[in-house]
Amino acid sequence: MLSDTPRTFVGSTTFTVTGMTCDHCRRAVTAEIAAVAGVETVTVDLATGTVTVTAAAPLDRADIAAAVDEAGWSLVP
C-alpha cells in the first residue's frame, strides 16, 4: 500500500510518539533524534506525546523512526 506521506521532509515536522511520560523520556528521545545527521532542533511535548523535528536539508522519516526506536519508544504510524 502506498502512503501519501513523503519519505523525506525539510523544515519542521511533528511526529507522535507512544509511551513518553517523564523527563527521562524527553531526554532520551531528544538525545537520539538530535544525533541524526541533519537534525537542527528537537522539541518534545510530553503532554501531547509529540516530537517536533527541524531540518534544513531533506531528512528521512525512517531515520527519525529508528532514533525513536533506539531510545525505546515508537512513532505512531
Protein backbone atom coordinates (compact mmCIF):
# COMPACT_ATOMS: atom_id res chain seq x y z
CA MET A 1 0.00 0.00 0.00
CA LEU A 2 1.30 3.45 -0.90
CA SER A 3 1.29 6.29 1.57
CA ASP A 4 0.67 9.94 0.77
CA THR A 5 3.29 10.94 3.36
CA PRO A 6 6.58 11.89 1.70
CA ARG A 7 9.60 9.83 2.77
CA THR A 8 11.70 12.92 3.49
CA PHE A 9 10.99 16.35 4.91
CA VAL A 10 12.61 19.78 5.20
CA GLY A 11 11.66 22.34 7.83
CA SER A 12 9.63 21.42 10.90
CA THR A 13 7.65 18.20 11.13
CA THR A 14 5.77 16.85 14.13
CA PHE A 15 5.68 13.15 15.00
CA THR A 16 3.54 11.34 17.57
CA VAL A 17 5.47 9.03 19.91
CA THR A 18 3.82 6.41 22.11
CA GLY A 19 4.62 6.00 25.79
CA MET A 20 6.55 9.14 26.71
CA THR A 21 5.57 10.14 30.25
CA CYS A 22 8.50 11.75 32.06
CA ASP A 23 11.59 13.91 31.80
CA HIS A 24 13.77 10.82 31.28
CA CYS A 25 11.64 10.02 28.21
CA ARG A 26 12.09 13.58 26.93
CA ARG A 27 15.88 13.48 27.38
CA ALA A 28 16.32 10.03 25.80
CA VAL A 29 14.18 10.79 22.74
CA THR A 30 15.76 14.23 22.31
CA ALA A 31 19.30 12.84 22.50
CA GLU A 32 18.69 10.05 19.98
CA ILE A 33 16.94 12.27 17.45
CA ALA A 34 19.48 15.09 17.87
CA ALA A 35 22.22 12.60 16.94
CA VAL A 36 20.67 12.05 13.47
CA ALA A 37 22.72 13.86 10.83
CA GLY A 38 20.86 16.93 9.57
CA VAL A 39 18.63 17.48 12.60
CA GLU A 40 18.76 21.11 13.74
CA THR A 41 16.31 21.14 16.64
CA VAL A 42 14.17 18.66 18.59
CA THR A 43 11.26 19.68 20.81
CA VAL A 44 9.40 17.07 22.89
CA ASP A 45 5.93 17.84 24.26
CA LEU A 46 5.08 15.21 26.88
CA ALA A 47 1.51 16.49 27.34
CA THR A 48 0.62 15.78 23.71
CA GLY A 49 3.09 12.93 23.10
CA THR A 50 4.62 14.75 20.16
CA VAL A 51 8.12 15.48 18.94
CA THR A 52 8.83 18.34 16.54
CA VAL A 53 11.97 17.98 14.46
CA THR A 54 13.51 20.74 12.33
CA ALA A 55 15.92 20.12 9.45
CA ALA A 56 17.41 22.48 6.86
CA ALA A 57 18.14 19.70 4.36
CA PRO A 58 15.98 16.70 3.39
CA LEU A 59 15.75 14.27 6.29
CA ASP A 60 14.44 10.72 6.00
CA ARG A 61 11.47 9.95 8.26
CA ALA A 62 12.83 6.40 8.67
CA ASP A 63 15.93 7.84 10.37
CA ILE A 64 13.72 9.62 12.90
CA ALA A 65 11.70 6.43 13.49
CA ALA A 66 14.93 4.47 14.02
CA ALA A 67 16.21 7.05 16.53
CA VAL A 68 12.95 6.95 18.50
CA ASP A 69 13.09 3.14 18.45
CA GLU A 70 16.70 3.22 19.70
CA ALA A 71 15.55 5.40 22.60
CA GLY A 72 12.95 2.76 23.50
CA TRP A 73 9.74 4.24 22.09
CA SER A 74 7.81 4.07 18.81
CA LEU A 75 6.39 6.54 16.33
CA VAL A 76 2.66 6.30 15.75
CA PRO A 77 2.17 5.38 12.07
